[in-house]
Amino acid sequence: MMAHGPMMLHQDIADKVESALGRPMTHMELHFKHVSLWADLVTVPTNDQQTKDPRDELPTLSNQVLKLFASLSAKKHSVRKHILQDVTGSFRPGTATLVLGQSGSGKSALMKLLSGRFPMDKEITMEGEMLYNGVSREKLLKRLPQL
């Protein structure tokens, strides 16, 4: 098979999968517009610089209780961390698309979000439009990892 090139190998595998399924494989066209993703993180400031006595850092019961009360009474700040900001693009069947970017720029987050594998919870907010063969992400969300 490889003597005829990788496309023949891929076509042979696709033909066998389609015959096993009894239907043609799904060809997915994906369009996404103005997709933004951010997380609201809660931070607690530390007072490590204000430690006056090294004995305060010893793991004694009284020090642990004092640290617990200090952490409960500490002011908590909410910080919004942008993961993706206003991303637009499309993926079409039969094409190869290269996603490039620096480390930490959101490449993996984008691919996980588009495939329905990004862990969404109450601290994560997503805006924008994603269409899979013209159908919105919300309608396909339960089935998305299977497509």
Protein backbone atom coordinates (compact mmCIF):
# COMPACT_ATOMS: atom_id res chain seq x y z
CA MET A 1 0.00 0.00 0.00
CA MET A 2 2.72 2.50 0.93
CA ALA A 3 4.37 1.82 -2.45
CA HIS A 4 1.46 3.73 -4.01
CA GLY A 5 1.82 6.59 -1.52
CA PRO A 6 0.20 7.58 1.77
CA MET A 7 -2.99 8.82 0.11
CA MET A 8 -3.73 5.33 -1.22
CA LEU A 9 -3.15 3.88 2.25
CA HIS A 10 -5.48 6.45 3.82
CA GLN A 11 -8.12 5.85 1.14
CA ASP A 12 -7.91 2.08 1.68
CA ILE A 13 -8.36 2.51 5.45
CA ALA A 14 -11.27 4.93 4.89
CA ASP A 15 -12.94 2.47 2.50
CA LYS A 16 -12.65 -0.36 5.05
CA VAL A 17 -14.01 1.80 7.87
CA GLU A 18 -16.94 2.94 5.71
CA SER A 19 -17.80 -0.63 4.72
CA ALA A 20 -17.63 -1.73 8.36
CA LEU A 21 -19.89 1.14 9.42
CA GLY A 22 -22.27 0.62 6.52
CA ARG A 23 -22.27 4.34 5.77
CA PRO A 24 -19.85 6.97 4.51
CA MET A 25 -17.57 8.69 7.01
CA THR A 26 -18.65 12.13 8.16
CA HIS A 27 -16.89 15.01 6.44
CA MET A 28 -16.78 17.92 8.83
CA GLU A 29 -16.44 21.55 7.82
CA LEU A 30 -15.79 23.83 10.76
CA HIS A 31 -16.08 27.62 10.85
CA PHE A 32 -15.37 29.66 13.96
CA LYS A 33 -15.70 33.44 14.34
CA HIS A 34 -14.56 35.77 17.11
CA VAL A 35 -13.96 32.92 19.56
CA SER A 36 -12.69 34.11 22.94
CA LEU A 37 -12.02 31.98 25.98
CA TRP A 38 -11.05 33.11 29.46
CA ALA A 39 -10.87 31.84 33.00
CA ASP A 40 -11.69 33.73 36.20
CA LEU A 41 -9.02 32.79 38.75
CA VAL A 42 -9.10 33.56 42.46
CA THR A 43 -5.77 34.52 44.00
CA VAL A 44 -4.78 35.08 47.62
CA PRO A 45 -1.79 37.33 48.30
CA THR A 46 0.98 35.81 50.42
CA ASN A 47 2.77 37.58 53.23
CA ASP A 48 6.04 35.64 53.07
CA GLN A 49 8.12 38.83 53.20
CA GLN A 50 6.53 39.95 56.47
CA THR A 51 7.67 36.90 58.44
CA LYS A 52 9.71 38.24 61.33
CA ASP A 53 10.66 35.10 63.20
CA PRO A 54 11.88 31.93 61.44
CA ARG A 55 10.10 29.90 64.13
CA ASP A 56 6.78 31.09 62.66
CA GLU A 57 7.46 28.83 59.68
CA LEU A 58 7.84 25.66 61.76
CA PRO A 59 5.02 23.16 61.10
CA THR A 60 3.63 23.24 64.63
CA LEU A 61 -0.05 22.84 65.40
CA SER A 62 -0.39 26.44 66.56
CA ASN A 63 1.33 27.81 63.43
CA GLN A 64 -0.87 25.69 61.16
CA VAL A 65 -4.03 26.93 62.92
CA LEU A 66 -2.83 30.54 62.63
CA LYS A 67 -2.10 30.07 58.90
CA LEU A 68 -5.54 28.56 58.39
CA PHE A 69 -7.27 31.55 59.98
CA ALA A 70 -5.05 33.95 58.04
CA SER A 71 -5.94 32.27 54.76
CA LEU A 72 -9.66 32.36 55.56
CA SER A 73 -9.60 36.03 56.42
CA ALA A 74 -7.27 37.05 53.58
CA LYS A 75 -8.70 39.17 50.81
CA LYS A 76 -9.21 37.21 47.63
CA HIS A 77 -8.72 38.84 44.26
CA SER A 78 -10.34 37.65 41.07
CA VAL A 79 -8.14 37.76 37.98
CA ARG A 80 -9.38 37.22 34.42
CA LYS A 81 -6.89 35.19 32.36
CA HIS A 82 -7.44 35.32 28.59
CA ILE A 83 -6.73 31.96 26.98
CA LEU A 84 -7.98 32.81 23.47
CA GLN A 85 -8.92 36.26 22.23
CA ASP A 86 -10.98 36.93 19.09
CA VAL A 87 -9.86 33.92 17.02
CA THR A 88 -11.43 33.38 13.59
CA GLY A 89 -10.80 30.61 11.07
CA SER A 90 -12.06 27.48 9.35
CA PHE A 91 -11.13 23.86 8.74
CA ARG A 92 -12.32 22.20 5.54
CA PRO A 93 -12.42 18.49 4.62
CA GLY A 94 -9.55 17.30 2.47
CA THR A 95 -7.21 20.08 3.54
CA ALA A 96 -4.35 20.18 6.01
CA THR A 97 -4.27 23.18 8.30
CA LEU A 98 -1.19 24.11 10.29
CA VAL A 99 -1.73 25.87 13.62
CA LEU A 100 1.40 27.75 14.68
CA GLY A 101 2.16 29.88 17.72
CA GLN A 102 4.50 30.41 20.61
CA SER A 103 4.39 28.25 23.71
CA GLY A 104 1.40 29.21 25.81
CA SER A 105 -0.36 31.02 22.96
CA GLY A 106 -3.46 28.78 23.11
CA LYS A 107 -2.95 26.29 20.26
CA SER A 108 -3.88 23.26 22.37
CA ALA A 109 -6.74 25.14 24.02
CA LEU A 110 -8.15 26.03 20.59
CA MET A 111 -7.96 22.44 19.33
CA LYS A 112 -9.52 21.07 22.54
CA LEU A 113 -12.29 23.68 22.40
CA LEU A 114 -13.07 22.92 18.75
CA SER A 115 -13.12 19.16 19.41
CA GLY A 116 -15.40 19.50 22.47
CA ARG A 117 -12.71 18.27 24.88
CA PHE A 118 -11.94 21.53 26.72
CA PRO A 119 -12.97 21.19 30.39
CA MET A 120 -15.70 23.81 30.76
CA ASP A 121 -16.87 24.77 34.24
CA LYS A 122 -18.30 27.84 35.95
CA GLU A 123 -14.94 29.70 35.98
CA ILE A 124 -14.49 29.27 32.20
CA THR A 125 -16.30 31.60 29.79
CA MET A 126 -16.49 31.18 26.03
CA GLU A 127 -17.81 33.66 23.47
CA GLY A 128 -18.03 33.45 19.72
CA GLU A 129 -19.64 31.31 17.07
CA MET A 130 -18.64 27.80 16.04
CA LEU A 131 -20.45 25.99 13.22
CA TYR A 132 -19.93 22.32 12.37
CA ASN A 133 -21.37 21.67 8.89
CA GLY A 134 -23.60 24.69 9.53
CA VAL A 135 -24.86 23.42 12.91
CA SER A 136 -24.03 25.37 16.07
CA ARG A 137 -21.72 24.00 18.76
CA GLU A 138 -24.49 24.03 21.38
CA LYS A 139 -26.64 21.63 19.35
CA LEU A 140 -23.78 19.18 18.80
CA LEU A 141 -21.97 19.46 22.14
CA LYS A 142 -22.96 16.02 23.49
CA ARG A 143 -21.95 14.25 20.26
CA LEU A 144 -18.99 16.46 19.32
CA PRO A 145 -16.14 14.18 20.50
CA GLN A 146 -17.64 11.34 18.43
CA LEU A 147 -17.71 13.27 15.13
